[in-house]
Amino acid sequence: MIEKAVAALKADKARAIDMFNKGEGGFKDRDLYVFCFNVANGKLIAGQASLLGTDVRTLKDKSGKVFGEEIFNSAKEGAFTEVGYMFPRPGQTELVQKVSYVTKIGDIGCGVGYYNRT
């Protein structure tokens, strides 16, 4: 899904962000979704609706791990970096292990993560 998101951003950034937020075009599958942030200010522009506008760098889990800063710093053009952290599934509050693949496309950082099924 992350490779498909990269292609969509390169084709039409505004339309891609809109599709990510609406979960259209195959960009939402159960609890898999695309999240994106502006690399200039860290603000989330796609992903869970309750977090839009949040500076990704400030996100931390209950153990105190500031995983958002790791996600922000891991976004590199042309590379997919794996970042592990604890995060609730959409619409839930219980934290579960999540791994996201993060990349950078121009001025946008994006990721797609999967939740541990155990």
Protein backbone atom coordinates (compact mmCIF):
# COMPACT_ATOMS: atom_id res chain seq x y z
CA MET A 1 0.00 0.00 0.00
CA ILE A 2 2.88 2.42 0.69
CA GLU A 3 4.20 2.01 -2.86
CA LYS A 4 0.72 2.71 -4.23
CA ALA A 5 0.52 5.81 -1.99
CA VAL A 6 3.87 7.08 -3.31
CA ALA A 7 2.66 6.69 -6.91
CA ALA A 8 -0.61 8.51 -6.11
CA LEU A 9 1.25 11.41 -4.45
CA LYS A 10 3.57 11.77 -7.41
CA ALA A 11 0.61 11.79 -9.84
CA ASP A 12 -1.59 14.31 -7.95
CA LYS A 13 -0.68 15.24 -4.37
CA ALA A 14 -3.96 17.00 -3.44
CA ARG A 15 -6.14 14.21 -4.83
CA ALA A 16 -4.00 11.55 -3.15
CA ILE A 17 -4.26 13.22 0.29
CA ASP A 18 -8.03 13.46 -0.16
CA MET A 19 -8.23 9.78 -1.11
CA PHE A 20 -6.07 8.78 1.88
CA ASN A 21 -8.34 10.68 4.26
CA LYS A 22 -11.51 9.24 2.73
CA GLY A 23 -10.08 5.73 2.49
CA GLU A 24 -10.88 5.62 -1.22
CA GLY A 25 -9.02 3.89 -4.00
CA GLY A 26 -7.82 1.00 -1.85
CA PHE A 27 -6.09 3.27 0.67
CA LYS A 28 -8.00 1.80 3.61
CA ASP A 29 -8.18 -1.93 4.22
CA ARG A 30 -9.51 -2.97 7.64
CA ASP A 31 -7.04 -1.31 10.04
CA LEU A 32 -4.46 -0.51 7.32
CA TYR A 33 -4.39 3.10 6.16
CA VAL A 34 -2.00 5.75 4.87
CA PHE A 35 -0.86 8.57 7.14
CA CYS A 36 1.07 11.60 5.91
CA PHE A 37 2.67 14.72 7.35
CA ASN A 38 4.19 17.91 6.04
CA VAL A 39 7.98 17.69 6.44
CA ALA A 40 8.27 21.47 6.94
CA ASN A 41 6.15 21.60 10.10
CA GLY A 42 5.42 17.96 11.01
CA LYS A 43 1.63 18.44 10.88
CA LEU A 44 -0.39 15.34 10.02
CA ILE A 45 -2.40 15.91 6.84
CA ALA A 46 -3.70 12.37 6.31
CA GLY A 47 -4.53 9.49 8.61
CA GLN A 48 -6.77 9.09 11.62
CA ALA A 49 -9.18 12.04 11.61
CA SER A 50 -8.69 12.73 15.33
CA LEU A 51 -4.97 13.36 14.78
CA LEU A 52 -5.08 15.61 11.70
CA GLY A 53 -3.18 18.84 12.37
CA THR A 54 -1.12 17.24 15.16
CA ASP A 55 2.64 17.57 14.92
CA VAL A 56 3.73 13.98 14.28
CA ARG A 57 6.98 14.63 16.19
CA THR A 58 5.02 14.96 19.47
CA LEU A 59 3.36 11.53 19.33
CA LYS A 60 4.46 9.17 22.08
CA ASP A 61 3.15 5.94 23.51
CA LYS A 62 2.27 5.19 27.15
CA SER A 63 5.78 3.90 27.81
CA GLY A 64 7.08 7.39 26.96
CA LYS A 65 8.66 6.43 23.64
CA VAL A 66 8.46 9.46 21.32
CA PHE A 67 7.81 7.37 18.24
CA GLY A 68 6.51 10.35 16.25
CA GLU A 69 9.96 11.93 16.18
CA GLU A 70 11.38 8.61 14.98
CA ILE A 71 8.75 8.46 12.22
CA PHE A 72 9.52 12.06 11.23
CA ASN A 73 13.29 11.49 11.15
CA SER A 74 12.95 8.15 9.33
CA ALA A 75 11.15 9.63 6.31
CA LYS A 76 13.78 9.54 3.55
CA GLU A 77 13.23 10.03 -0.16
CA GLY A 78 13.44 6.76 -2.10
CA ALA A 79 13.65 4.53 0.99
CA PHE A 80 11.19 2.66 3.20
CA THR A 81 12.16 2.63 6.87
CA GLU A 82 10.51 0.42 9.49
CA VAL A 83 9.46 2.04 12.79
CA GLY A 84 7.91 0.04 15.66
CA TYR A 85 5.73 1.51 18.43
CA MET A 86 2.55 1.05 20.47
CA PHE A 87 -0.61 2.65 19.02
CA PRO A 88 -4.38 2.04 19.17
CA ARG A 89 -6.27 0.66 16.20
CA PRO A 90 -8.65 3.18 14.59
CA GLY A 91 -11.66 3.77 16.86
CA GLN A 92 -10.07 1.99 19.83
CA THR A 93 -8.04 3.07 22.87
CA GLU A 94 -6.10 -0.10 23.74
CA LEU A 95 -2.48 0.15 22.64
CA VAL A 96 -1.10 -2.65 20.47
CA GLN A 97 2.24 -3.18 18.75
CA LYS A 98 2.36 -1.46 15.36
CA VAL A 99 5.06 -1.34 12.70
CA SER A 100 4.98 1.36 10.02
CA TYR A 101 6.91 1.67 6.79
CA VAL A 102 7.80 5.33 6.34
CA THR A 103 9.09 7.26 3.32
CA LYS A 104 9.31 10.80 1.94
CA ILE A 105 7.86 12.10 -1.32
CA GLY A 106 8.96 15.70 -1.92
CA ASP A 107 7.62 17.78 0.96
CA ILE A 108 5.43 14.99 2.35
CA GLY A 109 6.34 12.15 4.70
CA CYS A 110 4.03 9.13 4.60
CA GLY A 111 3.66 5.76 6.18
CA VAL A 112 1.54 2.66 6.24
CA GLY A 113 1.57 0.46 9.30
CA TYR A 114 0.27 -2.89 10.38
CA TYR A 115 -0.89 -3.94 13.83
CA ASN A 116 0.29 -7.09 15.58
CA ARG A 117 -2.56 -9.59 15.35
CA THR A 118 -1.87 -11.32 18.67
